[in-house]
């Protein structure tokens, strides 16, 4: 009796395979692909990793600290030139430099041509990711955050932008905008930069802010 039941199960499986001659693959992006079973010789599962995107210094990077009274924006270009902009919001003035940079492993060297700057800086890169890099300098360790392509625009002084749930303002100079109750308020026309911690990614991102 058991052997008869086994034969029946095998026949049902064969009928099911004959009725379904196509394997449909569902991808995470919502697309599908149909593959005829007659075209498959064998199936092998292997371990494969997606190639990681190379992280470089190219682009804008922001460091800012309210207690220090200023922020600094560094912009590294593909041709190994760079610019540096420091805004001392406590005293109401700024400085700017430009020059060349080189990176050999973890050593970052900046050749500066700006007034008030040293000609050469040697920094040790302690960490570099897609949204942050940390350097050790003679003044200590500093973490810069990648400037995002999105620009925050506020229509006029008095307007505000409400942050997403869980997000928080890590830094704002307080001269153009201020943070309060998970909102970013415009207090004067101008351009500035802020650091926002995104709760979903648990990372800090830098944004340019323009108040009209």
Protein backbone atom coordinates (compact mmCIF):
# COMPACT_ATOMS: atom_id res chain seq x y z
CA UNK A 1 0.00 0.00 0.00
CA UNK A 2 2.87 2.35 0.87
CA UNK A 3 4.55 1.69 -2.47
CA UNK A 4 1.36 2.56 -4.34
CA UNK A 5 1.08 5.83 -2.44
CA UNK A 6 4.70 6.62 -3.30
CA UNK A 7 4.08 6.01 -6.99
CA UNK A 8 1.03 8.29 -6.89
CA UNK A 9 3.09 11.09 -5.29
CA UNK A 10 5.80 10.74 -7.94
CA UNK A 11 3.21 10.88 -10.73
CA UNK A 12 1.65 14.00 -9.23
CA UNK A 13 5.08 15.68 -9.06
CA UNK A 14 5.79 14.82 -12.70
CA UNK A 15 2.42 16.17 -13.80
CA UNK A 16 3.08 19.37 -11.81
CA UNK A 17 6.50 19.83 -13.43
CA UNK A 18 5.07 19.21 -16.90
CA UNK A 19 2.35 21.80 -16.28
CA UNK A 20 4.87 24.37 -14.99
CA UNK A 21 7.78 24.45 -17.44
CA UNK A 22 8.98 27.94 -16.48
CA UNK A 23 10.78 29.28 -13.42
CA UNK A 24 9.92 32.87 -12.51
CA UNK A 25 12.54 34.85 -10.59
CA UNK A 26 11.33 37.83 -8.53
CA UNK A 27 13.96 40.53 -7.89
CA UNK A 28 13.98 42.96 -4.97
CA UNK A 29 13.55 45.95 -7.29
CA UNK A 30 10.14 44.62 -8.34
CA UNK A 31 11.18 43.19 -11.72
CA UNK A 32 10.65 39.57 -12.81
CA UNK A 33 12.40 37.16 -15.16
CA UNK A 34 11.01 33.95 -16.67
CA UNK A 35 13.43 31.09 -17.42
CA UNK A 36 12.37 27.91 -19.28
CA UNK A 37 13.30 24.81 -17.28
CA UNK A 38 14.39 23.11 -20.50
CA UNK A 39 17.21 25.66 -20.77
CA UNK A 40 18.61 24.87 -17.30
CA UNK A 41 21.35 22.26 -17.08
CA UNK A 42 22.05 22.61 -13.36
CA UNK A 43 21.69 25.08 -10.47
CA UNK A 44 24.64 25.94 -8.23
CA UNK A 45 24.60 28.32 -5.26
CA UNK A 46 27.80 30.34 -4.76
CA UNK A 47 28.87 33.20 -2.49
CA UNK A 48 29.27 36.47 -4.42
CA UNK A 49 29.58 40.02 -3.17
CA UNK A 50 28.53 43.17 -4.96
CA UNK A 51 31.56 45.39 -5.68
CA UNK A 52 31.82 48.31 -3.27
CA UNK A 53 31.96 51.79 -4.70
CA UNK A 54 35.39 53.37 -4.24
CA UNK A 55 35.33 56.21 -1.74
CA UNK A 56 37.39 59.29 -2.63
CA UNK A 57 37.88 62.78 -1.20
CA UNK A 58 36.35 64.45 -4.26
CA UNK A 59 33.53 66.82 -3.32
CA UNK A 60 32.65 69.14 -0.45
CA UNK A 61 33.22 68.31 3.24
CA UNK A 62 31.97 70.30 6.23
CA UNK A 63 33.23 70.59 9.78
CA UNK A 64 31.45 72.80 12.27
CA UNK A 65 31.30 73.31 16.02
CA UNK A 66 29.14 75.84 17.78
CA UNK A 67 31.46 76.01 20.78
CA UNK A 68 34.45 76.81 18.55
CA UNK A 69 32.57 79.63 16.84
CA UNK A 70 33.17 78.67 13.23
CA UNK A 71 32.73 76.12 10.47
CA UNK A 72 35.01 75.05 7.64
CA UNK A 73 34.07 73.81 4.17
CA UNK A 74 36.74 71.95 2.18
CA UNK A 75 36.15 71.17 -1.51
CA UNK A 76 38.47 68.64 -3.19
CA UNK A 77 38.50 68.56 -7.00
CA UNK A 78 39.41 65.79 -9.44
CA UNK A 79 42.47 67.73 -10.66
CA UNK A 80 43.95 67.70 -7.11
CA UNK A 81 43.15 71.35 -6.45
CA UNK A 82 41.14 72.32 -3.40
CA UNK A 83 39.51 75.31 -1.73
CA UNK A 84 38.89 75.96 1.94
CA UNK A 85 36.35 78.36 3.39
CA UNK A 86 36.18 79.24 7.08
CA UNK A 87 33.27 81.22 8.49
CA UNK A 88 33.76 82.71 11.96
CA UNK A 89 30.14 83.45 12.76
CA UNK A 90 30.96 84.59 16.28
CA UNK A 91 33.07 87.49 14.96
CA UNK A 92 31.32 88.01 11.63
CA UNK A 93 34.21 87.46 9.22
CA UNK A 94 35.51 84.69 6.99
CA UNK A 95 38.76 83.50 5.39
CA UNK A 96 39.42 81.52 2.24
CA UNK A 97 42.30 79.54 0.84
CA UNK A 98 43.07 77.50 -2.25
CA UNK A 99 45.88 75.26 -3.43
CA UNK A 100 46.76 71.65 -4.19
CA UNK A 101 46.46 68.42 -2.29
CA UNK A 102 47.88 64.91 -2.51
CA UNK A 103 46.93 61.65 -0.83
CA UNK A 104 49.36 58.78 -0.34
CA UNK A 105 47.67 56.06 1.62
CA UNK A 106 46.54 57.63 4.87
CA UNK A 107 48.67 60.77 4.49
CA UNK A 108 46.83 63.86 3.18
CA UNK A 109 48.98 66.89 2.31
CA UNK A 110 47.55 70.34 1.59
CA UNK A 111 49.57 73.12 -0.04
CA UNK A 112 47.80 76.38 0.81
CA UNK A 113 47.93 79.81 -0.82
CA UNK A 114 45.46 81.62 1.40
CA UNK A 115 46.25 84.60 3.60
CA UNK A 116 46.71 83.58 7.22
CA UNK A 117 47.24 79.90 6.42
CA UNK A 118 50.36 77.81 6.71
CA UNK A 119 51.88 76.86 3.37
CA UNK A 120 51.76 73.13 4.03
CA UNK A 121 49.58 70.89 6.19
CA UNK A 122 50.12 67.18 6.77
CA UNK A 123 47.03 65.36 8.00
CA UNK A 124 46.66 61.70 8.90
CA UNK A 125 43.40 60.15 7.64
CA UNK A 126 41.96 58.04 10.44
CA UNK A 127 38.76 57.07 8.61
CA UNK A 128 37.09 57.67 5.26
CA UNK A 129 33.54 56.66 4.31
CA UNK A 130 31.00 57.87 1.77
CA UNK A 131 29.62 60.51 4.16
CA UNK A 132 32.43 61.26 6.64
CA UNK A 133 36.18 61.38 7.00
CA UNK A 134 38.24 61.90 10.14
CA UNK A 135 41.72 63.40 10.19
CA UNK A 136 44.34 63.84 12.87
CA UNK A 137 46.04 67.24 12.75
CA UNK A 138 48.39 69.18 15.02
CA UNK A 139 45.25 70.72 16.54
CA UNK A 140 43.64 67.33 17.22
CA UNK A 141 41.13 65.06 15.48
CA UNK A 142 38.37 66.48 13.27
CA UNK A 143 35.52 64.77 11.43
CA UNK A 144 34.22 66.32 8.21
CA UNK A 145 30.89 65.32 6.68
CA UNK A 146 30.10 65.04 2.97
CA UNK A 147 28.10 67.94 1.57
CA UNK A 148 24.88 66.56 0.07
CA UNK A 149 23.67 67.67 -3.38
CA UNK A 150 20.28 68.70 -1.98
CA UNK A 151 20.04 72.35 -0.93
CA UNK A 152 17.69 73.40 1.87
CA UNK A 153 15.86 76.56 0.79
CA UNK A 154 13.79 78.73 3.11
CA UNK A 155 11.66 81.47 1.59
CA UNK A 156 12.25 84.27 4.11
CA UNK A 157 13.28 85.00 7.71
CA UNK A 158 10.67 83.54 10.03
CA UNK A 159 9.94 80.49 7.89
CA UNK A 160 11.03 77.03 9.02
CA UNK A 161 11.56 73.45 7.89
CA UNK A 162 10.33 70.62 10.08
CA UNK A 163 12.67 67.64 10.36
CA UNK A 164 11.63 64.03 9.88
CA UNK A 165 10.74 62.07 13.00
CA UNK A 166 13.84 61.25 15.00
CA UNK A 167 16.17 63.57 13.03
CA UNK A 168 18.09 66.26 14.88
CA UNK A 169 20.30 69.26 14.18
CA UNK A 170 23.92 68.58 15.15
CA UNK A 171 25.33 71.96 14.12
CA UNK A 172 24.16 75.35 12.92
CA UNK A 173 26.05 78.62 13.21
CA UNK A 174 23.03 80.50 14.50
CA UNK A 175 23.56 83.59 12.34
CA UNK A 176 21.35 82.63 9.38
CA UNK A 177 19.31 79.75 10.81
CA UNK A 178 18.70 78.24 14.23
CA UNK A 179 17.38 74.90 15.45
CA UNK A 180 14.51 74.52 17.90
CA UNK A 181 12.05 71.70 18.63
CA UNK A 182 13.23 69.59 15.64
CA UNK A 183 12.69 72.55 13.31
CA UNK A 184 15.14 74.65 11.33
CA UNK A 185 14.17 78.33 11.53
CA UNK A 186 15.36 81.07 9.16
CA UNK A 187 16.44 84.18 11.07
CA UNK A 188 18.27 86.18 8.37
CA UNK A 189 18.80 86.16 4.61
CA UNK A 190 22.01 84.50 3.51
CA UNK A 191 23.80 81.20 2.94
CA UNK A 192 25.06 78.82 5.59
CA UNK A 193 25.62 75.13 6.29
CA UNK A 194 24.14 72.70 8.82
CA UNK A 195 24.79 69.18 10.05
CA UNK A 196 21.74 66.95 10.46
CA UNK A 197 21.68 63.51 12.06
CA UNK A 198 19.34 61.21 10.13
CA UNK A 199 17.69 58.73 12.49
CA UNK A 200 16.96 56.15 9.79
CA UNK A 201 20.61 55.81 8.75
CA UNK A 202 22.02 56.90 12.15
CA UNK A 203 24.50 59.09 10.27
CA UNK A 204 25.32 62.79 10.08
CA UNK A 205 24.93 64.64 6.78
CA UNK A 206 25.98 68.15 5.76
CA UNK A 207 23.61 70.47 3.87
CA UNK A 208 23.84 73.89 2.33
CA UNK A 209 21.05 76.24 3.45
CA UNK A 210 19.88 79.29 1.51
CA UNK A 211 17.48 81.82 3.05
CA UNK A 212 16.00 84.21 0.50
